[in-house]
Amino acid sequence: MAELVLLIPIALIVAFAIPLTLTDFREHRLPNHYTVPLIAVTALSLTGYGLVLGQYGKLMASGLAMALTFLIGWLLARFADLGMGDVKLLISLNGWLAWHDGWLVLIALAIGLIAANVFAIAVWIKKKDPKEHIALGPFLLLGFCLAAITPSWRILTAVGESLA
């Protein structure tokens, strides 16, 4: 039953997915009033669950993923063309995925980036402008949602079995 704490970040991500997607497509930004609470809720949920149940290895993996995401993301935002909103979104997404399995972070990123590239190519062909910016956040959310299906299902199954 305690596993439900791990679904709190998922619930918030799902609740924020549509406003984040619409804002990113419209304004090419991911507002702090969505991304910062996602980081806080993810960190608090995973830390609380990890400390109470002694899941220190998973807690360390998640914290490391969040820290590396910030560091690499900050560098990409500073020297490449990645927005800090995308970085802040990725911090919470990667932290939650790394809790379950580090490979899920790579799978989610691969799905999101491939989908974004396919979309970008279509936009560039249509507008004939390869410098046209695209929204990355919706595709990062897509990759996360697809990668999070299995761990979320495991949590729900475990909770269902404990109630039976």
N, C-alpha and C. Protein backbone atom coordinates (compact mmCIF):
# COMPACT_ATOMS: atom_id res chain seq x y z
N MET A 1 0.81 -1.20 0.00
CA MET A 1 0.00 0.00 0.00
C MET A 1 0.86 1.27 0.00
N ALA A 2 2.02 1.18 0.64
CA ALA A 2 2.93 2.34 0.68
C ALA A 2 3.43 2.70 -0.72
N GLU A 3 3.36 1.75 -1.64
CA GLU A 3 3.82 1.99 -3.01
C GLU A 3 3.04 3.10 -3.70
N LEU A 4 1.86 3.39 -3.21
CA LEU A 4 1.05 4.45 -3.80
C LEU A 4 1.77 5.80 -3.77
N VAL A 5 2.67 5.97 -2.82
CA VAL A 5 3.46 7.22 -2.75
C VAL A 5 4.25 7.40 -4.04
N LEU A 6 4.68 6.29 -4.64
CA LEU A 6 5.46 6.37 -5.87
C LEU A 6 4.61 6.84 -7.06
N LEU A 7 3.30 6.76 -6.92
CA LEU A 7 2.41 7.19 -8.02
C LEU A 7 2.02 8.66 -7.92
N ILE A 8 2.35 9.31 -6.81
CA ILE A 8 2.02 10.73 -6.67
C ILE A 8 2.67 11.57 -7.77
N PRO A 9 3.98 11.38 -8.04
CA PRO A 9 4.57 12.16 -9.15
C PRO A 9 3.90 11.88 -10.50
N ILE A 10 3.54 10.61 -10.72
CA ILE A 10 2.87 10.26 -11.99
C ILE A 10 1.55 11.00 -12.10
N ALA A 11 0.79 11.04 -11.02
CA ALA A 11 -0.50 11.74 -11.04
C ALA A 11 -0.31 13.21 -11.37
N LEU A 12 0.71 13.83 -10.79
CA LEU A 12 0.95 15.24 -11.06
C LEU A 12 1.44 15.45 -12.50
N ILE A 13 2.27 14.57 -12.99
CA ILE A 13 2.75 14.66 -14.37
C ILE A 13 1.56 14.54 -15.34
N VAL A 14 0.68 13.60 -15.08
CA VAL A 14 -0.51 13.43 -15.93
C VAL A 14 -1.39 14.67 -15.85
N ALA A 15 -1.55 15.22 -14.64
CA ALA A 15 -2.38 16.43 -14.48
C ALA A 15 -1.79 17.62 -15.22
N PHE A 16 -0.47 17.72 -15.26
CA PHE A 16 0.20 18.86 -15.90
C PHE A 16 0.50 18.63 -17.38
N ALA A 17 0.34 17.41 -17.88
CA ALA A 17 0.76 17.08 -19.24
C ALA A 17 0.07 17.94 -20.30
N ILE A 18 -1.23 18.09 -20.20
CA ILE A 18 -1.95 18.86 -21.22
C ILE A 18 -1.59 20.34 -21.16
N PRO A 19 -1.61 20.98 -19.97
CA PRO A 19 -1.21 22.39 -19.97
C PRO A 19 0.24 22.61 -20.40
N LEU A 20 1.14 21.70 -20.02
CA LEU A 20 2.53 21.82 -20.45
C LEU A 20 2.64 21.70 -21.96
N THR A 21 1.95 20.73 -22.53
CA THR A 21 1.99 20.51 -23.97
C THR A 21 1.44 21.71 -24.73
N LEU A 22 0.28 22.19 -24.30
CA LEU A 22 -0.33 23.33 -25.00
C LEU A 22 0.54 24.57 -24.91
N THR A 23 1.09 24.83 -23.72
CA THR A 23 1.95 26.00 -23.54
C THR A 23 3.22 25.88 -24.38
N ASP A 24 3.80 24.68 -24.40
CA ASP A 24 5.05 24.51 -25.15
C ASP A 24 4.83 24.66 -26.65
N PHE A 25 3.75 24.10 -27.17
CA PHE A 25 3.47 24.26 -28.60
C PHE A 25 3.15 25.72 -28.94
N ARG A 26 2.45 26.41 -28.05
CA ARG A 26 2.03 27.78 -28.31
C ARG A 26 3.16 28.80 -28.09
N GLU A 27 3.88 28.64 -26.96
CA GLU A 27 4.84 29.67 -26.55
C GLU A 27 6.30 29.21 -26.56
N HIS A 28 6.53 27.94 -26.83
CA HIS A 28 7.88 27.35 -26.80
C HIS A 28 8.56 27.56 -25.45
N ARG A 29 7.81 27.29 -24.40
CA ARG A 29 8.37 27.33 -23.05
C ARG A 29 7.56 26.44 -22.14
N LEU A 30 8.21 25.99 -21.07
CA LEU A 30 7.55 25.18 -20.04
C LEU A 30 7.62 25.98 -18.75
N PRO A 31 6.49 26.52 -18.30
CA PRO A 31 6.50 27.44 -17.15
C PRO A 31 6.95 26.79 -15.84
N ASN A 32 7.62 27.61 -15.04
CA ASN A 32 8.11 27.15 -13.73
C ASN A 32 6.99 26.70 -12.81
N HIS A 33 5.80 27.29 -12.93
CA HIS A 33 4.73 26.90 -12.01
C HIS A 33 4.24 25.47 -12.28
N TYR A 34 4.71 24.85 -13.35
CA TYR A 34 4.46 23.42 -13.57
C TYR A 34 5.72 22.59 -13.28
N THR A 35 6.84 23.02 -13.78
CA THR A 35 8.05 22.18 -13.69
C THR A 35 8.66 22.13 -12.29
N VAL A 36 8.66 23.24 -11.59
CA VAL A 36 9.27 23.25 -10.25
C VAL A 36 8.49 22.38 -9.26
N PRO A 37 7.15 22.47 -9.22
CA PRO A 37 6.42 21.54 -8.34
C PRO A 37 6.64 20.07 -8.71
N LEU A 38 6.80 19.78 -10.00
CA LEU A 38 7.08 18.40 -10.40
C LEU A 38 8.39 17.91 -9.80
N ILE A 39 9.41 18.75 -9.83
CA ILE A 39 10.69 18.38 -9.23
C ILE A 39 10.52 18.15 -7.73
N ALA A 40 9.85 19.09 -7.05
CA ALA A 40 9.69 18.98 -5.60
C ALA A 40 8.88 17.75 -5.20
N VAL A 41 7.77 17.52 -5.87
CA VAL A 41 6.92 16.37 -5.53
C VAL A 41 7.64 15.06 -5.82
N THR A 42 8.34 14.98 -6.93
CA THR A 42 9.09 13.77 -7.26
C THR A 42 10.17 13.52 -6.21
N ALA A 43 10.94 14.53 -5.89
CA ALA A 43 12.02 14.38 -4.91
C ALA A 43 11.48 14.01 -3.53
N LEU A 44 10.43 14.68 -3.09
CA LEU A 44 9.86 14.39 -1.77
C LEU A 44 9.24 13.00 -1.71
N SER A 45 8.52 12.61 -2.74
CA SER A 45 7.89 11.28 -2.75
C SER A 45 8.93 10.17 -2.72
N LEU A 46 9.92 10.28 -3.59
CA LEU A 46 10.94 9.25 -3.66
C LEU A 46 11.81 9.23 -2.40
N THR A 47 12.14 10.41 -1.88
CA THR A 47 12.96 10.47 -0.66
C THR A 47 12.20 9.89 0.52
N GLY A 48 10.95 10.29 0.68
CA GLY A 48 10.15 9.76 1.79
C GLY A 48 10.00 8.26 1.72
N TYR A 49 9.64 7.75 0.57
CA TYR A 49 9.47 6.31 0.40
C TYR A 49 10.80 5.58 0.60
N GLY A 50 11.85 6.12 0.02
CA GLY A 50 13.16 5.48 0.12
C GLY A 50 13.69 5.43 1.54
N LEU A 51 13.53 6.51 2.29
CA LEU A 51 14.03 6.54 3.66
C LEU A 51 13.20 5.67 4.60
N VAL A 52 11.89 5.73 4.45
CA VAL A 52 11.02 4.93 5.33
C VAL A 52 11.21 3.44 5.11
N LEU A 53 11.36 3.02 3.85
CA LEU A 53 11.46 1.60 3.56
C LEU A 53 12.89 1.13 3.31
N GLY A 54 13.84 2.00 3.53
CA GLY A 54 15.25 1.60 3.40
C GLY A 54 15.69 1.30 1.98
N GLN A 55 15.11 1.96 1.03
CA GLN A 55 15.46 1.76 -0.38
C GLN A 55 16.58 2.74 -0.77
N TYR A 56 17.72 2.64 -0.09
CA TYR A 56 18.78 3.62 -0.25
C TYR A 56 19.45 3.55 -1.62
N GLY A 57 19.60 2.37 -2.19
CA GLY A 57 20.20 2.23 -3.51
C GLY A 57 19.36 2.90 -4.58
N LYS A 58 18.05 2.69 -4.52
CA LYS A 58 17.14 3.32 -5.49
C LYS A 58 17.11 4.83 -5.27
N LEU A 59 17.16 5.23 -4.02
CA LEU A 59 17.16 6.65 -3.71
C LEU A 59 18.41 7.33 -4.25
N MET A 60 19.55 6.66 -4.11
CA MET A 60 20.80 7.20 -4.64
C MET A 60 20.76 7.27 -6.18
N ALA A 61 20.24 6.22 -6.81
CA ALA A 61 20.14 6.19 -8.28
C ALA A 61 19.25 7.33 -8.77
N SER A 62 18.15 7.54 -8.10
CA SER A 62 17.23 8.59 -8.48
C SER A 62 17.86 9.97 -8.28
N GLY A 63 18.49 10.17 -7.14
CA GLY A 63 19.15 11.45 -6.87
C GLY A 63 20.27 11.73 -7.86
N LEU A 64 21.02 10.70 -8.18
CA LEU A 64 22.10 10.84 -9.16
C LEU A 64 21.55 11.21 -10.54
N ALA A 65 20.46 10.54 -10.93
CA ALA A 65 19.84 10.85 -12.23
C ALA A 65 19.34 12.29 -12.27
N MET A 66 18.76 12.74 -11.18
CA MET A 66 18.26 14.12 -11.13
C MET A 66 19.43 15.11 -11.20
N ALA A 67 20.49 14.83 -10.48
CA ALA A 67 21.66 15.73 -10.47
C ALA A 67 22.35 15.75 -11.84
N LEU A 68 22.54 14.58 -12.44
CA LEU A 68 23.17 14.51 -13.76
C LEU A 68 22.30 15.18 -14.82
N THR A 69 21.00 15.00 -14.71
CA THR A 69 20.09 15.64 -15.65
C THR A 69 20.23 17.16 -15.55
N PHE A 70 20.30 17.66 -14.32
CA PHE A 70 20.47 19.10 -14.16
C PHE A 70 21.79 19.57 -14.75
N LEU A 71 22.87 18.87 -14.43
CA LEU A 71 24.20 19.28 -14.88
C LEU A 71 24.31 19.25 -16.41
N ILE A 72 23.95 18.12 -17.00
CA ILE A 72 24.03 17.98 -18.46
C ILE A 72 23.04 18.93 -19.13
N GLY A 73 21.85 19.03 -18.58
CA GLY A 73 20.84 19.91 -19.14
C GLY A 73 21.26 21.38 -19.07
N TRP A 74 21.85 21.78 -17.96
CA TRP A 74 22.32 23.15 -17.84
C TRP A 74 23.38 23.45 -18.89
N LEU A 75 24.29 22.50 -19.09
CA LEU A 75 25.33 22.68 -20.11
C LEU A 75 24.71 22.78 -21.51
N LEU A 76 23.73 21.93 -21.79
CA LEU A 76 23.06 21.98 -23.10
C LEU A 76 22.26 23.27 -23.26
N ALA A 77 21.66 23.75 -22.19
CA ALA A 77 20.91 25.00 -22.27
C ALA A 77 21.85 26.19 -22.45
N ARG A 78 23.01 26.09 -21.85
CA ARG A 78 23.98 27.20 -21.93
C ARG A 78 24.69 27.25 -23.28
N PHE A 79 25.06 26.07 -23.79
CA PHE A 79 25.91 26.03 -24.97
C PHE A 79 25.24 25.45 -26.22
N ALA A 80 24.05 24.91 -26.07
CA ALA A 80 23.34 24.35 -27.23
C ALA A 80 21.98 25.04 -27.31
N ASP A 81 20.98 24.35 -27.78
CA ASP A 81 19.68 24.98 -27.99
C ASP A 81 18.57 24.27 -27.22
N LEU A 82 18.87 23.87 -25.99
CA LEU A 82 17.86 23.23 -25.14
C LEU A 82 17.36 24.25 -24.15
N GLY A 83 16.06 24.31 -23.94
CA GLY A 83 15.49 25.26 -23.00
C GLY A 83 15.57 24.76 -21.57
N MET A 84 15.68 25.68 -20.63
CA MET A 84 15.74 25.29 -19.22
C MET A 84 14.43 24.68 -18.75
N GLY A 85 13.32 25.02 -19.38
CA GLY A 85 12.05 24.37 -19.03
C GLY A 85 12.11 22.88 -19.32
N ASP A 86 12.72 22.53 -20.45
CA ASP A 86 12.89 21.11 -20.79
C ASP A 86 13.79 20.42 -19.77
N VAL A 87 14.83 21.12 -19.35
CA VAL A 87 15.75 20.56 -18.35
C VAL A 87 15.00 20.31 -17.04
N LYS A 88 14.23 21.28 -16.59
CA LYS A 88 13.49 21.12 -15.32
C LYS A 88 12.46 20.00 -15.42
N LEU A 89 11.81 19.90 -16.57
CA LEU A 89 10.87 18.79 -16.77
C LEU A 89 11.60 17.46 -16.70
N LEU A 90 12.73 17.37 -17.37
CA LEU A 90 13.50 16.13 -17.40
C LEU A 90 14.02 15.72 -16.02
N ILE A 91 14.31 16.68 -15.16
CA ILE A 91 14.81 16.34 -13.83
C ILE A 91 13.81 15.46 -13.10
N SER A 92 12.54 15.86 -13.10
CA SER A 92 11.54 15.04 -12.40
C SER A 92 11.27 13.73 -13.14
N LEU A 93 11.18 13.78 -14.47
CA LEU A 93 10.89 12.56 -15.23
C LEU A 93 12.01 11.53 -15.06
N ASN A 94 13.25 11.98 -15.21
CA ASN A 94 14.38 11.06 -15.10
C ASN A 94 14.57 10.55 -13.68
N GLY A 95 14.29 11.37 -12.70
CA GLY A 95 14.39 10.92 -11.31
C GLY A 95 13.44 9.77 -11.03
N TRP A 96 12.20 9.92 -11.49
CA TRP A 96 11.21 8.87 -11.25
C TRP A 96 11.57 7.59 -12.01
N LEU A 97 11.97 7.73 -13.25
CA LEU A 97 12.33 6.55 -14.05
C LEU A 97 13.56 5.85 -13.49
N ALA A 98 14.55 6.60 -13.06
CA ALA A 98 15.78 6.01 -12.53
C ALA A 98 15.52 5.24 -11.25
N TRP A 99 14.51 5.63 -10.50
CA TRP A 99 14.13 4.89 -9.30
C TRP A 99 13.81 3.44 -9.66
N HIS A 100 13.16 3.26 -10.78
CA HIS A 100 12.71 1.93 -11.19
C HIS A 100 13.78 1.17 -11.98
N ASP A 101 14.44 1.85 -12.91
CA ASP A 101 15.50 1.22 -13.70
C ASP A 101 16.18 2.31 -14.53
N GLY A 102 17.48 2.40 -14.44
CA GLY A 102 18.22 3.43 -15.15
C GLY A 102 18.03 3.37 -16.66
N TRP A 103 17.80 2.17 -17.18
CA TRP A 103 17.59 2.04 -18.63
C TRP A 103 16.32 2.74 -19.08
N LEU A 104 15.36 2.87 -18.19
CA LEU A 104 14.12 3.54 -18.57
C LEU A 104 14.36 5.00 -18.94
N VAL A 105 15.35 5.63 -18.30
CA VAL A 105 15.70 7.01 -18.65
C VAL A 105 16.13 7.08 -20.10
N LEU A 106 17.01 6.17 -20.49
CA LEU A 106 17.49 6.16 -21.89
C LEU A 106 16.39 5.82 -22.87
N ILE A 107 15.54 4.88 -22.49
CA ILE A 107 14.42 4.49 -23.37
C ILE A 107 13.48 5.67 -23.56
N ALA A 108 13.14 6.36 -22.47
CA ALA A 108 12.23 7.50 -22.57
C ALA A 108 12.83 8.62 -23.41
N LEU A 109 14.11 8.89 -23.20
CA LEU A 109 14.77 9.93 -23.99
C LEU A 109 14.81 9.54 -25.47
N ALA A 110 15.12 8.29 -25.75
CA ALA A 110 15.17 7.84 -27.14
C ALA A 110 13.81 7.98 -27.81
N ILE A 111 12.76 7.54 -27.15
CA ILE A 111 11.41 7.65 -27.73
C ILE A 111 11.06 9.11 -27.96
N GLY A 112 11.29 9.95 -26.95
CA GLY A 112 10.95 11.36 -27.05
C GLY A 112 11.72 12.07 -28.14
N LEU A 113 13.02 11.80 -28.22
CA LEU A 113 13.84 12.49 -29.22
C LEU A 113 13.56 12.00 -30.63
N ILE A 114 13.30 10.71 -30.78
CA ILE A 114 12.94 10.20 -32.11
C ILE A 114 11.62 10.81 -32.57
N ALA A 115 10.63 10.83 -31.67
CA ALA A 115 9.33 11.43 -32.02
C ALA A 115 9.48 12.91 -32.36
N ALA A 116 10.29 13.63 -31.58
CA ALA A 116 10.51 15.06 -31.85
C ALA A 116 11.20 15.27 -33.18
N ASN A 117 12.15 14.41 -33.52
CA ASN A 117 12.84 14.55 -34.80
C ASN A 117 11.93 14.26 -35.98
N VAL A 118 11.09 13.26 -35.86
CA VAL A 118 10.13 12.97 -36.94
C VAL A 118 9.20 14.16 -37.12
N PHE A 119 8.71 14.71 -36.02
CA PHE A 119 7.84 15.88 -36.08
C PHE A 119 8.59 17.07 -36.69
N ALA A 120 9.83 17.29 -36.25
CA ALA A 120 10.62 18.42 -36.75
C ALA A 120 10.86 18.31 -38.25
N ILE A 121 11.16 17.13 -38.72
CA ILE A 121 11.38 16.94 -40.15
C ILE A 121 10.12 17.28 -40.94
N ALA A 122 8.97 16.83 -40.42
CA ALA A 122 7.70 17.14 -41.09
C ALA A 122 7.45 18.65 -41.10
N VAL A 123 7.71 19.32 -39.99
CA VAL A 123 7.52 20.77 -39.92
C VAL A 123 8.48 21.47 -40.86
N TRP A 124 9.72 21.05 -40.88
CA TRP A 124 10.72 21.68 -41.73
C TRP A 124 10.41 21.50 -43.21
N ILE A 125 9.92 20.32 -43.57
CA ILE A 125 9.56 20.07 -44.97
C ILE A 125 8.38 20.97 -45.36
N LYS A 126 7.40 21.06 -44.47
CA LYS A 126 6.21 21.86 -44.76
C LYS A 126 6.55 23.34 -44.85
N LYS A 127 7.34 23.84 -43.91
CA LYS A 127 7.63 25.29 -43.87
C LYS A 127 8.89 25.65 -44.65
N LYS A 128 9.63 24.65 -45.07
CA LYS A 128 10.88 24.86 -45.81
C LYS A 128 11.86 25.76 -45.05
N ASP A 129 11.87 25.59 -43.72
CA ASP A 129 12.76 26.39 -42.87
C ASP A 129 13.38 25.49 -41.81
N PRO A 130 14.62 25.04 -42.04
CA PRO A 130 15.25 24.13 -41.07
C PRO A 130 15.62 24.80 -39.75
N LYS A 131 15.45 26.11 -39.65
CA LYS A 131 15.74 26.80 -38.39
C LYS A 131 14.49 26.96 -37.53
N GLU A 132 13.36 26.47 -37.99
CA GLU A 132 12.11 26.54 -37.24
C GLU A 132 12.25 25.76 -35.94
N HIS A 133 11.93 26.40 -34.82
CA HIS A 133 12.01 25.73 -33.52
C HIS A 133 10.77 24.89 -33.30
N ILE A 134 10.95 23.80 -32.58
CA ILE A 134 9.81 22.96 -32.23
C ILE A 134 9.77 22.81 -30.71
N ALA A 135 8.60 22.46 -30.23
CA ALA A 135 8.42 22.21 -28.80
C ALA A 135 8.94 20.81 -28.48
N LEU A 136 9.83 20.70 -27.51
CA LEU A 136 10.39 19.40 -27.15
C LEU A 136 9.64 18.75 -25.99
N GLY A 137 9.08 19.57 -25.10
CA GLY A 137 8.41 19.06 -23.90
C GLY A 137 7.36 18.00 -24.16
N PRO A 138 6.45 18.20 -25.12
CA PRO A 138 5.43 17.18 -25.36
C PRO A 138 6.02 15.82 -25.74
N PHE A 139 7.12 15.83 -26.45
CA PHE A 139 7.74 14.58 -26.87
C PHE A 139 8.50 13.92 -25.72
N LEU A 140 9.06 14.74 -24.83
CA LEU A 140 9.68 14.19 -23.62
C LEU A 140 8.62 13.55 -22.74
N LEU A 141 7.46 14.18 -22.65
CA LEU A 141 6.35 13.60 -21.88
C LEU A 141 5.86 12.30 -22.51
N LEU A 142 5.79 12.26 -23.83
CA LEU A 142 5.38 11.04 -24.53
C LEU A 142 6.34 9.90 -24.22
N GLY A 143 7.63 10.16 -24.35
CA GLY A 143 8.63 9.13 -24.05
C GLY A 143 8.54 8.66 -22.61
N PHE A 144 8.34 9.61 -21.69
CA PHE A 144 8.21 9.24 -20.28
C PHE A 144 6.98 8.36 -20.06
N CYS A 145 5.84 8.78 -20.61
CA CYS A 145 4.60 8.02 -20.39
C CYS A 145 4.73 6.58 -20.91
N LEU A 146 5.34 6.42 -22.06
CA LEU A 146 5.50 5.07 -22.60
C LEU A 146 6.48 4.25 -21.76
N ALA A 147 7.56 4.87 -21.29
CA ALA A 147 8.54 4.15 -20.47
C ALA A 147 8.00 3.86 -19.08
N ALA A 148 7.07 4.67 -18.61
CA ALA A 148 6.55 4.52 -17.24
C ALA A 148 5.41 3.52 -17.13
N ILE A 149 4.94 2.98 -18.24
CA ILE A 149 3.80 2.06 -18.20
C ILE A 149 4.10 0.84 -17.35
N THR A 150 5.21 0.18 -17.61
CA THR A 150 5.52 -1.07 -16.89
C THR A 150 5.73 -0.84 -15.39
N PRO A 151 6.57 0.12 -14.96
CA PRO A 151 6.72 0.30 -13.52
C PRO A 151 5.42 0.74 -12.84
N SER A 152 4.62 1.56 -13.52
CA SER A 152 3.35 1.99 -12.93
C SER A 152 2.41 0.79 -12.77
N TRP A 153 2.40 -0.06 -13.77
CA TRP A 153 1.54 -1.26 -13.71
C TRP A 153 1.99 -2.18 -12.56
N ARG A 154 3.30 -2.31 -12.37
CA ARG A 154 3.82 -3.13 -11.27
C ARG A 154 3.38 -2.58 -9.92
N ILE A 155 3.41 -1.26 -9.77
CA ILE A 155 2.99 -0.64 -8.52
C ILE A 155 1.51 -0.90 -8.28
N LEU A 156 0.70 -0.68 -9.30
CA LEU A 156 -0.74 -0.89 -9.16
C LEU A 156 -1.07 -2.35 -8.87
N THR A 157 -0.34 -3.26 -9.50
CA THR A 157 -0.54 -4.69 -9.26
C THR A 157 -0.18 -5.04 -7.82
N ALA A 158 0.94 -4.51 -7.34
CA ALA A 158 1.36 -4.78 -5.95
C ALA A 158 0.34 -4.24 -4.96
N VAL A 159 -0.18 -3.06 -5.22
CA VAL A 159 -1.19 -2.49 -4.33
C VAL A 159 -2.46 -3.32 -4.38
N GLY A 160 -2.86 -3.75 -5.57
CA GLY A 160 -4.05 -4.59 -5.71
C GLY A 160 -3.93 -5.91 -4.97
N GLU A 161 -2.73 -6.52 -5.03
CA GLU A 161 -2.50 -7.78 -4.33
C GLU A 161 -2.51 -7.60 -2.82
N SER A 162 -2.02 -6.46 -2.34
CA SER A 162 -2.00 -6.23 -0.89
C SER A 162 -3.41 -5.96 -0.37
N LEU A 163 -4.29 -5.46 -1.22
CA LEU A 163 -5.67 -5.22 -0.80
C LEU A 163 -6.50 -6.49 -0.85
N ALA A 164 -6.11 -7.44 -1.66
CA ALA A 164 -6.90 -8.68 -1.83
C ALA A 164 -6.73 -9.64 -0.67
